[in-house]
Protein backbone atom coordinates (compact mmCIF):
# COMPACT_ATOMS: atom_id res chain seq x y z
CA UNK A 1 0.00 0.00 0.00
CA UNK A 2 1.03 3.58 -0.48
CA UNK A 3 1.90 5.84 2.43
CA UNK A 4 -1.46 7.61 2.07
CA UNK A 5 -3.41 4.36 2.17
CA UNK A 6 -1.46 3.15 5.21
CA UNK A 7 -2.14 6.37 7.07
CA UNK A 8 -5.73 7.18 6.09
CA UNK A 9 -7.47 4.06 4.82
CA UNK A 10 -8.28 1.26 7.18
CA UNK A 11 -10.88 -1.26 8.17
CA UNK A 12 -12.85 -0.46 11.28
CA UNK A 13 -12.98 -3.03 14.04
CA UNK A 14 -14.79 -2.77 17.32
CA UNK A 15 -12.73 -3.13 20.44
CA UNK A 16 -14.03 -5.58 23.05
CA UNK A 17 -15.19 -2.60 25.17
CA UNK A 18 -17.12 -1.13 22.20
CA UNK A 19 -18.75 -4.50 21.52
CA UNK A 20 -19.73 -4.77 25.20
CA UNK A 21 -21.16 -1.24 25.07
CA UNK A 22 -23.27 -2.12 22.01
CA UNK A 23 -24.51 -5.33 23.67
CA UNK A 24 -25.43 -3.44 26.85
CA UNK A 25 -27.35 -0.82 24.84
CA UNK A 26 -29.19 -3.52 22.87
CA UNK A 27 -30.02 -5.28 26.14
CA UNK A 28 -31.42 -2.04 27.59
CA UNK A 29 -33.63 -1.39 24.56
CA UNK A 30 -34.85 -5.00 24.46
CA UNK A 31 -35.60 -5.26 28.20
CA UNK A 32 -37.24 -1.83 28.36
CA UNK A 33 -39.55 -2.65 25.45
CA UNK A 34 -40.40 -6.05 26.97
CA UNK A 35 -41.39 -4.38 30.23
CA UNK A 36 -43.34 -1.66 28.40
CA UNK A 37 -45.38 -4.33 26.61
CA UNK A 38 -46.40 -5.86 29.95
CA UNK A 39 -47.54 -2.52 31.41
CA UNK A 40 -48.81 -0.30 28.61
CA UNK A 41 -52.25 -0.45 27.06
CA UNK A 42 -51.82 2.34 24.50
CA UNK A 43 -51.31 2.09 20.75
CA UNK A 44 -48.16 0.73 19.15
CA UNK A 45 -46.21 3.53 17.51
CA UNK A 46 -42.95 3.56 15.55
CA UNK A 47 -41.02 3.48 18.86
CA UNK A 48 -42.97 0.56 20.32
CA UNK A 49 -45.98 0.46 22.59
CA UNK A 50 -47.06 3.73 24.21
CA UNK A 51 -48.42 4.31 27.71
CA UNK A 52 -52.10 5.20 27.77
CA UNK A 53 -52.26 6.73 31.26
CA UNK A 54 -50.02 8.74 33.57
CA UNK A 55 -49.73 5.70 35.82
CA UNK A 56 -48.36 3.62 32.94
CA UNK A 57 -45.97 6.43 32.05
CA UNK A 58 -44.72 6.54 35.64
CA UNK A 59 -44.18 2.77 35.68
CA UNK A 60 -42.32 2.87 32.37
CA UNK A 61 -40.10 5.74 33.52
CA UNK A 62 -39.32 4.08 36.85
CA UNK A 63 -38.36 0.85 35.10
CA UNK A 64 -36.24 2.69 32.52
CA UNK A 65 -34.33 4.52 35.25
CA UNK A 66 -33.67 1.40 37.34
CA UNK A 67 -32.72 -0.64 34.25
CA UNK A 68 -30.25 2.03 33.13
CA UNK A 69 -28.76 2.26 36.62
CA UNK A 70 -28.39 -1.53 36.84
CA UNK A 71 -26.80 -1.99 33.40
CA UNK A 72 -24.50 1.03 33.81
CA UNK A 73 -23.41 -0.29 37.21
CA UNK A 74 -22.64 -3.74 35.84
CA UNK A 75 -20.34 -2.22 33.22
CA UNK A 76 -18.93 0.79 35.12
CA UNK A 77 -15.41 -0.54 34.63
CA UNK A 78 -15.74 -0.34 30.82
CA UNK A 79 -17.83 2.75 30.03
CA UNK A 80 -19.69 5.61 31.68
CA UNK A 81 -23.42 6.10 32.04
CA UNK A 82 -23.33 8.92 29.47
CA UNK A 83 -21.55 6.68 26.94
CA UNK A 84 -24.23 4.04 27.52
CA UNK A 85 -27.00 6.62 27.00
CA UNK A 86 -25.40 7.77 23.75
CA UNK A 87 -25.15 4.19 22.50
CA UNK A 88 -28.74 3.46 23.54
CA UNK A 89 -29.78 6.41 21.37
CA UNK A 90 -27.90 4.94 18.41
CA UNK A 91 -29.36 1.47 18.93
CA UNK A 92 -32.86 2.87 19.38
CA UNK A 93 -32.57 4.92 16.18
CA UNK A 94 -31.15 2.07 14.13
CA UNK A 95 -33.28 -0.62 15.73
CA UNK A 96 -32.01 -3.35 17.98
CA UNK A 97 -31.57 -6.80 16.47
CA UNK A 98 -34.26 -9.29 17.39
PDB file of N, CA and C in Angstrom:
ATOM      1  N   UNK A   1       0.838  -1.184   0.000  1.00  0.00           N
ATOM      2  CA  UNK A   1       0.000   0.000   0.000  1.00  0.00           C
ATOM      3  C   UNK A   1       0.879   1.241   0.000  1.00  0.00           C
ATOM      4  N   UNK A   2       0.308   2.304  -0.482  1.00  0.00           N
ATOM      5  CA  UNK A   2       1.025   3.576  -0.479  1.00  0.00           C
ATOM      6  C   UNK A   2       1.023   4.162   0.928  1.00  0.00           C
ATOM      7  N   UNK A   3       1.843   5.174   1.132  1.00  0.00           N
ATOM      8  CA  UNK A   3       1.898   5.837   2.426  1.00  0.00           C
ATOM      9  C   UNK A   3       0.561   6.448   2.813  1.00  0.00           C
ATOM     10  N   UNK A   4      -0.138   7.027   1.820  1.00  0.00           N
ATOM     11  CA  UNK A   4      -1.460   7.613   2.070  1.00  0.00           C
ATOM     12  C   UNK A   4      -2.436   6.539   2.540  1.00  0.00           C
ATOM     13  N   UNK A   5      -2.480   5.435   1.826  1.00  0.00           N
ATOM     14  CA  UNK A   5      -3.410   4.360   2.174  1.00  0.00           C
ATOM     15  C   UNK A   5      -3.102   3.812   3.561  1.00  0.00           C
ATOM     16  N   UNK A   6      -1.831   3.658   3.886  1.00  0.00           N
ATOM     17  CA  UNK A   6      -1.464   3.149   5.209  1.00  0.00           C
ATOM     18  C   UNK A   6      -1.909   4.091   6.316  1.00  0.00           C
ATOM     19  N   UNK A   7      -1.829   5.397   6.038  1.00  0.00           N
ATOM     20  CA  UNK A   7      -2.144   6.369   7.073  1.00  0.00           C
ATOM     21  C   UNK A   7      -3.639   6.671   7.188  1.00  0.00           C
ATOM     22  N   UNK A   8      -4.359   6.699   6.057  1.00  0.00           N
ATOM     23  CA  UNK A   8      -5.734   7.183   6.090  1.00  0.00           C
ATOM     24  C   UNK A   8      -6.810   6.149   5.773  1.00  0.00           C
ATOM     25  N   UNK A   9      -6.468   5.063   5.157  1.00  0.00           N
ATOM     26  CA  UNK A   9      -7.466   4.059   4.817  1.00  0.00           C
ATOM     27  C   UNK A   9      -7.289   2.860   5.738  1.00  0.00           C
ATOM     28  N   UNK A  10      -8.368   2.396   6.277  1.00  0.00           N
ATOM     29  CA  UNK A  10      -8.280   1.261   7.185  1.00  0.00           C
ATOM     30  C   UNK A  10      -9.625   0.549   7.238  1.00  0.00           C
ATOM     31  N   UNK A  11      -9.630  -0.580   7.886  1.00  0.00           N
ATOM     32  CA  UNK A  11     -10.880  -1.265   8.168  1.00  0.00           C
ATOM     33  C   UNK A  11     -11.193  -1.013   9.642  1.00  0.00           C
ATOM     34  N   UNK A  12     -12.452  -0.773   9.923  1.00  0.00           N
ATOM     35  CA  UNK A  12     -12.847  -0.462  11.281  1.00  0.00           C
ATOM     36  C   UNK A  12     -13.227  -1.741  12.008  1.00  0.00           C
ATOM     37  N   UNK A  13     -12.682  -1.876  13.190  1.00  0.00           N
ATOM     38  CA  UNK A  13     -12.984  -3.031  14.040  1.00  0.00           C
ATOM     39  C   UNK A  13     -13.379  -2.519  15.411  1.00  0.00           C
ATOM     40  N   UNK A  14     -14.387  -3.137  15.969  1.00  0.00           N
ATOM     41  CA  UNK A  14     -14.794  -2.771  17.319  1.00  0.00           C
ATOM     42  C   UNK A  14     -13.826  -3.373  18.319  1.00  0.00           C
ATOM     43  N   UNK A  15     -13.514  -2.599  19.334  1.00  0.00           N
ATOM     44  CA  UNK A  15     -12.731  -3.133  20.440  1.00  0.00           C
ATOM     45  C   UNK A  15     -13.675  -3.977  21.302  1.00  0.00           C
ATOM     46  N   UNK A  16     -13.145  -4.814  22.156  1.00  0.00           N
ATOM     47  CA  UNK A  16     -14.031  -5.577  23.054  1.00  0.00           C
ATOM     48  C   UNK A  16     -14.917  -4.664  23.920  1.00  0.00           C
ATOM     49  N   UNK A  17     -14.390  -3.523  24.358  1.00  0.00           N
ATOM     50  CA  UNK A  17     -15.193  -2.597  25.167  1.00  0.00           C
ATOM     51  C   UNK A  17     -16.325  -1.995  24.343  1.00  0.00           C
ATOM     52  N   UNK A  18     -16.066  -1.672  23.068  1.00  0.00           N
ATOM     53  CA  UNK A  18     -17.115  -1.131  22.198  1.00  0.00           C
ATOM     54  C   UNK A  18     -18.188  -2.177  21.924  1.00  0.00           C
ATOM     55  N   UNK A  19     -17.775  -3.418  21.741  1.00  0.00           N
ATOM     56  CA  UNK A  19     -18.747  -4.497  21.521  1.00  0.00           C
ATOM     57  C   UNK A  19     -19.608  -4.696  22.764  1.00  0.00           C
ATOM     58  N   UNK A  20     -18.980  -4.626  23.934  1.00  0.00           N
ATOM     59  CA  UNK A  20     -19.726  -4.766  25.196  1.00  0.00           C
ATOM     60  C   UNK A  20     -20.709  -3.608  25.376  1.00  0.00           C
ATOM     61  N   UNK A  21     -20.282  -2.410  24.991  1.00  0.00           N
ATOM     62  CA  UNK A  21     -21.159  -1.238  25.067  1.00  0.00           C
ATOM     63  C   UNK A  21     -22.372  -1.430  24.161  1.00  0.00           C
ATOM     64  N   UNK A  22     -22.156  -1.887  22.949  1.00  0.00           N
ATOM     65  CA  UNK A  22     -23.265  -2.122  22.011  1.00  0.00           C
ATOM     66  C   UNK A  22     -24.212  -3.179  22.566  1.00  0.00           C
ATOM     67  N   UNK A  23     -23.671  -4.266  23.107  1.00  0.00           N
ATOM     68  CA  UNK A  23     -24.511  -5.334  23.667  1.00  0.00           C
ATOM     69  C   UNK A  23     -25.326  -4.822  24.856  1.00  0.00           C
ATOM     70  N   UNK A  24     -24.712  -3.994  25.698  1.00  0.00           N
ATOM     71  CA  UNK A  24     -25.429  -3.444  26.851  1.00  0.00           C
ATOM     72  C   UNK A  24     -26.566  -2.527  26.383  1.00  0.00           C
ATOM     73  N   UNK A  25     -26.316  -1.721  25.369  1.00  0.00           N
ATOM     74  CA  UNK A  25     -27.350  -0.825  24.840  1.00  0.00           C
ATOM     75  C   UNK A  25     -28.489  -1.633  24.219  1.00  0.00           C
ATOM     76  N   UNK A  26     -28.153  -2.664  23.468  1.00  0.00           N
ATOM     77  CA  UNK A  26     -29.189  -3.517  22.875  1.00  0.00           C
ATOM     78  C   UNK A  26     -30.002  -4.211  23.962  1.00  0.00           C
ATOM     79  N   UNK A  27     -29.325  -4.643  25.021  1.00  0.00           N
ATOM     80  CA  UNK A  27     -30.021  -5.279  26.144  1.00  0.00           C
ATOM     81  C   UNK A  27     -30.990  -4.294  26.789  1.00  0.00           C
ATOM     82  N   UNK A  28     -30.551  -3.050  26.994  1.00  0.00           N
ATOM     83  CA  UNK A  28     -31.421  -2.040  27.585  1.00  0.00           C
ATOM     84  C   UNK A  28     -32.677  -1.842  26.740  1.00  0.00           C
ATOM     85  N   UNK A  29     -32.495  -1.641  25.450  1.00  0.00           N
ATOM     86  CA  UNK A  29     -33.634  -1.394  24.559  1.00  0.00           C
ATOM     87  C   UNK A  29     -34.588  -2.585  24.563  1.00  0.00           C
ATOM     88  N   UNK A  30     -34.038  -3.784  24.493  1.00  0.00           N
ATOM     89  CA  UNK A  30     -34.851  -5.001  24.458  1.00  0.00           C
ATOM     90  C   UNK A  30     -35.635  -5.186  25.764  1.00  0.00           C
ATOM     91  N   UNK A  31     -34.941  -5.049  26.912  1.00  0.00           N
ATOM     92  CA  UNK A  31     -35.601  -5.260  28.201  1.00  0.00           C
ATOM     93  C   UNK A  31     -36.614  -4.156  28.509  1.00  0.00           C
ATOM     94  N   UNK A  32     -36.300  -2.927  28.126  1.00  0.00           N
ATOM     95  CA  UNK A  32     -37.244  -1.829  28.361  1.00  0.00           C
ATOM     96  C   UNK A  32     -38.518  -2.037  27.548  1.00  0.00           C
ATOM     97  N   UNK A  33     -38.366  -2.432  26.293  1.00  0.00           N
ATOM     98  CA  UNK A  33     -39.551  -2.655  25.451  1.00  0.00           C
ATOM     99  C   UNK A  33     -40.362  -3.847  25.962  1.00  0.00           C
ATOM    100  N   UNK A  34     -39.695  -4.883  26.416  1.00  0.00           N
ATOM    101  CA  UNK A  34     -40.399  -6.049  26.968  1.00  0.00           C
ATOM    102  C   UNK A  34     -41.233  -5.638  28.172  1.00  0.00           C
ATOM    103  N   UNK A  35     -40.651  -4.848  29.063  1.00  0.00           N
ATOM    104  CA  UNK A  35     -41.394  -4.375  30.229  1.00  0.00           C
ATOM    105  C   UNK A  35     -42.556  -3.494  29.799  1.00  0.00           C
ATOM    106  N   UNK A  36     -42.287  -2.570  28.874  1.00  0.00           N
ATOM    107  CA  UNK A  36     -43.338  -1.663  28.399  1.00  0.00           C
ATOM    108  C   UNK A  36     -44.536  -2.442  27.872  1.00  0.00           C
ATOM    109  N   UNK A  37     -44.278  -3.530  27.179  1.00  0.00           N
ATOM    110  CA  UNK A  37     -45.377  -4.333  26.614  1.00  0.00           C
ATOM    111  C   UNK A  37     -46.204  -5.031  27.694  1.00  0.00           C
ATOM    112  N   UNK A  38     -45.636  -5.242  28.870  1.00  0.00           N
ATOM    113  CA  UNK A  38     -46.402  -5.860  29.954  1.00  0.00           C
ATOM    114  C   UNK A  38     -47.237  -4.842  30.709  1.00  0.00           C
ATOM    115  N   UNK A  39     -46.885  -3.559  30.617  1.00  0.00           N
ATOM    116  CA  UNK A  39     -47.536  -2.522  31.412  1.00  0.00           C
ATOM    117  C   UNK A  39     -48.481  -1.654  30.593  1.00  0.00           C
ATOM    118  N   UNK A  40     -48.080  -1.298  29.397  1.00  0.00           N
ATOM    119  CA  UNK A  40     -48.805  -0.296  28.606  1.00  0.00           C
ATOM    120  C   UNK A  40     -50.007  -0.873  27.874  1.00  0.00           C
ATOM    121  N   UNK A  41     -51.035  -0.047  27.767  1.00  0.00           N
ATOM    122  CA  UNK A  41     -52.250  -0.449  27.060  1.00  0.00           C
ATOM    123  C   UNK A  41     -52.552   0.478  25.885  1.00  0.00           C
ATOM    124  N   UNK A  42     -51.611   1.378  25.580  1.00  0.00           N
ATOM    125  CA  UNK A  42     -51.819   2.339  24.500  1.00  0.00           C
ATOM    126  C   UNK A  42     -51.518   1.732  23.139  1.00  0.00           C
ATOM    127  N   UNK A  43     -51.561   2.568  22.114  1.00  0.00           N
ATOM    128  CA  UNK A  43     -51.308   2.089  20.751  1.00  0.00           C
ATOM    129  C   UNK A  43     -49.823   1.775  20.547  1.00  0.00           C
ATOM    130  N   UNK A  44     -49.542   1.022  19.507  1.00  0.00           N
ATOM    131  CA  UNK A  44     -48.157   0.727  19.153  1.00  0.00           C
ATOM    132  C   UNK A  44     -47.735   1.728  18.091  1.00  0.00           C
ATOM    133  N   UNK A  45     -46.735   2.534  18.422  1.00  0.00           N
ATOM    134  CA  UNK A  45     -46.205   3.534  17.508  1.00  0.00           C
ATOM    135  C   UNK A  45     -44.906   3.048  16.885  1.00  0.00           C
ATOM    136  N   UNK A  46     -44.209   3.946  16.199  1.00  0.00           N
ATOM    137  CA  UNK A  46     -42.952   3.564  15.550  1.00  0.00           C
ATOM    138  C   UNK A  46     -41.862   3.240  16.572  1.00  0.00           C
ATOM    139  N   UNK A  47     -41.999   3.740  17.804  1.00  0.00           N
ATOM    140  CA  UNK A  47     -41.022   3.479  18.861  1.00  0.00           C
ATOM    141  C   UNK A  47     -41.441   2.356  19.793  1.00  0.00           C
ATOM    142  N   UNK A  48     -42.484   1.629  19.459  1.00  0.00           N
ATOM    143  CA  UNK A  48     -42.971   0.561  20.324  1.00  0.00           C
ATOM    144  C   UNK A  48     -44.301   0.949  20.935  1.00  0.00           C
ATOM    145  N   UNK A  49     -44.683   0.218  21.956  1.00  0.00           N
ATOM    146  CA  UNK A  49     -45.981   0.463  22.593  1.00  0.00           C
ATOM    147  C   UNK A  49     -45.912   1.730  23.434  1.00  0.00           C
ATOM    148  N   UNK A  50     -47.008   2.457  23.493  1.00  0.00           N
ATOM    149  CA  UNK A  50     -47.058   3.730  24.208  1.00  0.00           C
ATOM    150  C   UNK A  50     -47.944   3.612  25.439  1.00  0.00           C
ATOM    151  N   UNK A  51     -47.575   4.318  26.517  1.00  0.00           N
ATOM    152  CA  UNK A  51     -48.423   4.310  27.712  1.00  0.00           C
ATOM    153  C   UNK A  51     -49.713   5.087  27.448  1.00  0.00           C
ATOM    154  N   UNK A  52     -50.801   4.574  27.983  1.00  0.00           N
ATOM    155  CA  UNK A  52     -52.105   5.200  27.768  1.00  0.00           C
ATOM    156  C   UNK A  52     -52.491   6.122  28.925  1.00  0.00           C
ATOM    157  N   UNK A  53     -51.909   5.919  30.094  1.00  0.00           N
ATOM    158  CA  UNK A  53     -52.262   6.725  31.262  1.00  0.00           C
ATOM    159  C   UNK A  53     -50.994   7.256  31.924  1.00  0.00           C
ATOM    160  N   UNK A  54     -51.173   8.211  32.823  1.00  0.00           N
ATOM    161  CA  UNK A  54     -50.024   8.740  33.571  1.00  0.00           C
ATOM    162  C   UNK A  54     -49.412   7.670  34.468  1.00  0.00           C
ATOM    163  N   UNK A  55     -50.231   6.794  34.972  1.00  0.00           N
ATOM    164  CA  UNK A  55     -49.731   5.695  35.816  1.00  0.00           C
ATOM    165  C   UNK A  55     -48.806   4.793  35.003  1.00  0.00           C
ATOM    166  N   UNK A  56     -49.210   4.436  33.803  1.00  0.00           N
ATOM    167  CA  UNK A  56     -48.361   3.615  32.936  1.00  0.00           C
ATOM    168  C   UNK A  56     -47.062   4.340  32.599  1.00  0.00           C
ATOM    169  N   UNK A  57     -47.158   5.629  32.338  1.00  0.00           N
ATOM    170  CA  UNK A  57     -45.969   6.426  32.045  1.00  0.00           C
ATOM    171  C   UNK A  57     -45.004   6.421  33.232  1.00  0.00           C
ATOM    172  N   UNK A  58     -45.546   6.554  34.439  1.00  0.00           N
ATOM    173  CA  UNK A  58     -44.717   6.539  35.643  1.00  0.00           C
ATOM    174  C   UNK A  58     -44.030   5.184  35.809  1.00  0.00           C
ATOM    175  N   UNK A  59     -44.771   4.102  35.570  1.00  0.00           N
ATOM    176  CA  UNK A  59     -44.180   2.766  35.683  1.00  0.00           C
ATOM    177  C   UNK A  59     -43.070   2.555  34.659  1.00  0.00           C
ATOM    178  N   UNK A  60     -43.305   3.005  33.437  1.00  0.00           N
ATOM    179  CA  UNK A  60     -42.319   2.871  32.366  1.00  0.00           C
ATOM    180  C   UNK A  60     -41.059   3.666  32.711  1.00  0.00           C
ATOM    181  N   UNK A  61     -41.243   4.901  33.173  1.00  0.00           N
ATOM    182  CA  UNK A  61     -40.097   5.743  33.522  1.00  0.00           C
ATOM    183  C   UNK A  61     -39.307   5.179  34.693  1.00  0.00           C
ATOM    184  N   UNK A  62     -39.996   4.665  35.699  1.00  0.00           N
ATOM    185  CA  UNK A  62     -39.316   4.076  36.848  1.00  0.00           C
ATOM    186  C   UNK A  62     -38.500   2.859  36.422  1.00  0.00           C
ATOM    187  N   UNK A  63     -39.085   2.025  35.586  1.00  0.00           N
ATOM    188  CA  UNK A  63     -38.362   0.852  35.101  1.00  0.00           C
ATOM    189  C   UNK A  63     -37.156   1.265  34.258  1.00  0.00           C
ATOM    190  N   UNK A  64     -37.331   2.242  33.381  1.00  0.00           N
ATOM    191  CA  UNK A  64     -36.239   2.689  32.520  1.00  0.00           C
ATOM    192  C   UNK A  64     -35.068   3.209  33.357  1.00  0.00           C
ATOM    193  N   UNK A  65     -35.378   3.972  34.389  1.00  0.00           N
ATOM    194  CA  UNK A  65     -34.329   4.516  35.255  1.00  0.00           C
ATOM    195  C   UNK A  65     -33.584   3.408  35.998  1.00  0.00           C
ATOM    196  N   UNK A  66     -34.326   2.474  36.587  1.00  0.00           N
ATOM    197  CA  UNK A  66     -33.669   1.397  37.344  1.00  0.00           C
ATOM    198  C   UNK A  66     -32.895   0.466  36.412  1.00  0.00           C
ATOM    199  N   UNK A  67     -33.418   0.207  35.223  1.00  0.00           N
ATOM    200  CA  UNK A  67     -32.724  -0.640  34.255  1.00  0.00           C
ATOM    201  C   UNK A  67     -31.417   0.013  33.812  1.00  0.00           C
ATOM    202  N   UNK A  68     -31.461   1.304  33.526  1.00  0.00           N
ATOM    203  CA  UNK A  68     -30.254   2.026  33.135  1.00  0.00           C
ATOM    204  C   UNK A  68     -29.227   2.017  34.258  1.00  0.00           C
ATOM    205  N   UNK A  69     -29.664   2.256  35.466  1.00  0.00           N
ATOM    206  CA  UNK A  69     -28.761   2.257  36.619  1.00  0.00           C
ATOM    207  C   UNK A  69     -28.121   0.886  36.796  1.00  0.00           C
ATOM    208  N   UNK A  70     -28.911  -0.175  36.662  1.00  0.00           N
ATOM    209  CA  UNK A  70     -28.391  -1.532  36.837  1.00  0.00           C
ATOM    210  C   UNK A  70     -27.375  -1.888  35.752  1.00  0.00           C
ATOM    211  N   UNK A  71     -27.708  -1.630  34.498  1.00  0.00           N
ATOM    212  CA  UNK A  71     -26.804  -1.992  33.398  1.00  0.00           C
ATOM    213  C   UNK A  71     -25.537  -1.136  33.442  1.00  0.00           C
ATOM    214  N   UNK A  72     -25.677   0.155  33.713  1.00  0.00           N
ATOM    215  CA  UNK A  72     -24.499   1.032  33.807  1.00  0.00           C
ATOM    216  C   UNK A  72     -23.602   0.593  34.958  1.00  0.00           C
ATOM    217  N   UNK A  73     -24.195   0.185  36.066  1.00  0.00           N
ATOM    218  CA  UNK A  73     -23.411  -0.288  37.210  1.00  0.00           C
ATOM    219  C   UNK A  73     -22.668  -1.576  36.928  1.00  0.00           C
ATOM    220  N   UNK A  74     -23.292  -2.466  36.183  1.00  0.00           N
ATOM    221  CA  UNK A  74     -22.645  -3.738  35.843  1.00  0.00           C
ATOM    222  C   UNK A  74     -21.417  -3.541  34.954  1.00  0.00           C
ATOM    223  N   UNK A  75     -21.422  -2.453  34.180  1.00  0.00           N
ATOM    224  CA  UNK A  75     -20.340  -2.217  33.217  1.00  0.00           C
ATOM    225  C   UNK A  75     -19.554  -0.950  33.518  1.00  0.00           C
ATOM    226  N   UNK A  76     -19.591  -0.479  34.753  1.00  0.00           N
ATOM    227  CA  UNK A  76     -18.933   0.786  35.117  1.00  0.00           C
ATOM    228  C   UNK A  76     -17.431   0.749  34.859  1.00  0.00           C
ATOM    229  N   UNK A  77     -16.850  -0.423  34.864  1.00  0.00           N
ATOM    230  CA  UNK A  77     -15.406  -0.544  34.625  1.00  0.00           C
ATOM    231  C   UNK A  77     -15.038  -0.371  33.153  1.00  0.00           C
ATOM    232  N   UNK A  78     -16.011  -0.437  32.250  1.00  0.00           N
ATOM    233  CA  UNK A  78     -15.740  -0.338  30.817  1.00  0.00           C
ATOM    234  C   UNK A  78     -16.173   0.978  30.191  1.00  0.00           C
ATOM    235  N   UNK A  79     -17.321   1.526  30.631  1.00  0.00           N
ATOM    236  CA  UNK A  79     -17.834   2.747  30.032  1.00  0.00           C
ATOM    237  C   UNK A  79     -18.716   3.485  31.033  1.00  0.00           C
ATOM    238  N   UNK A  80     -18.908   4.765  30.768  1.00  0.00           N
ATOM    239  CA  UNK A  80     -19.688   5.608  31.675  1.00  0.00           C
ATOM    240  C   UNK A  80     -21.183   5.525  31.342  1.00  0.00           C
ATOM    241  N   UNK A  81     -21.960   6.051  32.240  1.00  0.00           N
ATOM    242  CA  UNK A  81     -23.416   6.100  32.043  1.00  0.00           C
ATOM    243  C   UNK A  81     -23.760   6.945  30.810  1.00  0.00           C
ATOM    244  N   UNK A  82     -23.051   8.057  30.620  1.00  0.00           N
ATOM    245  CA  UNK A  82     -23.330   8.919  29.466  1.00  0.00           C
ATOM    246  C   UNK A  82     -22.958   8.226  28.154  1.00  0.00           C
ATOM    247  N   UNK A  83     -21.896   7.446  28.145  1.00  0.00           N
ATOM    248  CA  UNK A  83     -21.547   6.678  26.943  1.00  0.00           C
ATOM    249  C   UNK A  83     -22.632   5.646  26.641  1.00  0.00           C
ATOM    250  N   UNK A  84     -23.151   5.013  27.702  1.00  0.00           N
ATOM    251  CA  UNK A  84     -24.228   4.045  27.521  1.00  0.00           C
ATOM    252  C   UNK A  84     -25.480   4.729  26.967  1.00  0.00           C
ATOM    253  N   UNK A  85     -25.825   5.890  27.499  1.00  0.00           N
ATOM    254  CA  UNK A  85     -26.998   6.620  27.001  1.00  0.00           C
ATOM    255  C   UNK A  85     -26.836   6.989  25.526  1.00  0.00           C
ATOM    256  N   UNK A  86     -25.644   7.417  25.147  1.00  0.00           N
ATOM    257  CA  UNK A  86     -25.398   7.775  23.748  1.00  0.00           C
ATOM    258  C   UNK A  86     -25.555   6.547  22.848  1.00  0.00           C
ATOM    259  N   UNK A  87     -25.042   5.419  23.292  1.00  0.00           N
ATOM    260  CA  UNK A  87     -25.147   4.189  22.497  1.00  0.00           C
ATOM    261  C   UNK A  87     -26.590   3.684  22.451  1.00  0.00           C
ATOM    262  N   UNK A  88     -27.330   3.840  23.536  1.00  0.00           N
ATOM    263  CA  UNK A  88     -28.744   3.462  23.538  1.00  0.00           C
ATOM    264  C   UNK A  88     -29.488   4.282  22.487  1.00  0.00           C
ATOM    265  N   UNK A  89     -29.167   5.564  22.389  1.00  0.00           N
ATOM    266  CA  UNK A  89     -29.781   6.413  21.369  1.00  0.00           C
ATOM    267  C   UNK A  89     -29.490   5.905  19.967  1.00  0.00           C
ATOM    268  N   UNK A  90     -28.255   5.484  19.727  1.00  0.00           N
ATOM    269  CA  UNK A  90     -27.897   4.942  18.407  1.00  0.00           C
ATOM    270  C   UNK A  90     -28.663   3.650  18.124  1.00  0.00           C
ATOM    271  N   UNK A  91     -28.676   2.756  19.097  1.00  0.00           N
ATOM    272  CA  UNK A  91     -29.359   1.469  18.933  1.00  0.00           C
ATOM    273  C   UNK A  91     -30.850   1.687  18.715  1.00  0.00           C
ATOM    274  N   UNK A  92     -31.431   2.596  19.482  1.00  0.00           N
ATOM    275  CA  UNK A  92     -32.856   2.866  19.382  1.00  0.00           C
ATOM    276  C   UNK A  92     -33.202   3.459  18.022  1.00  0.00           C
ATOM    277  N   UNK A  93     -32.351   4.333  17.509  1.00  0.00           N
ATOM    278  CA  UNK A  93     -32.572   4.923  16.182  1.00  0.00           C
ATOM    279  C   UNK A  93     -32.442   3.892  15.077  1.00  0.00           C
ATOM    280  N   UNK A  94     -31.424   3.050  15.180  1.00  0.00           N
ATOM    281  CA  UNK A  94     -31.152   2.066  14.129  1.00  0.00           C
ATOM    282  C   UNK A  94     -32.001   0.813  14.273  1.00  0.00           C
ATOM    283  N   UNK A  95     -32.505   0.579  15.471  1.00  0.00           N
ATOM    284  CA  UNK A  95     -33.281  -0.623  15.735  1.00  0.00           C
ATOM    285  C   UNK A  95     -32.396  -1.724  16.264  1.00  0.00           C
ATOM    286  N   UNK A  96     -32.767  -2.265  17.366  1.00  0.00           N
ATOM    287  CA  UNK A  96     -32.008  -3.354  17.985  1.00  0.00           C
ATOM    288  C   UNK A  96     -32.300  -4.657  17.230  1.00  0.00           C
ATOM    289  N   UNK A  97     -31.302  -5.508  17.112  1.00  0.00           N
ATOM    290  CA  UNK A  97     -31.567  -6.805  16.468  1.00  0.00           C
ATOM    291  C   UNK A  97     -32.518  -7.637  17.326  1.00  0.00           C
ATOM    292  N   UNK A  98     -33.270  -8.470  16.676  1.00  0.00           N
ATOM    293  CA  UNK A  98     -34.259  -9.292  17.385  1.00  0.00           C
ATOM    294  C   UNK A  98     -33.628 -10.376  18.194  1.00  0.00           C
TER     295      UNK A  98
END
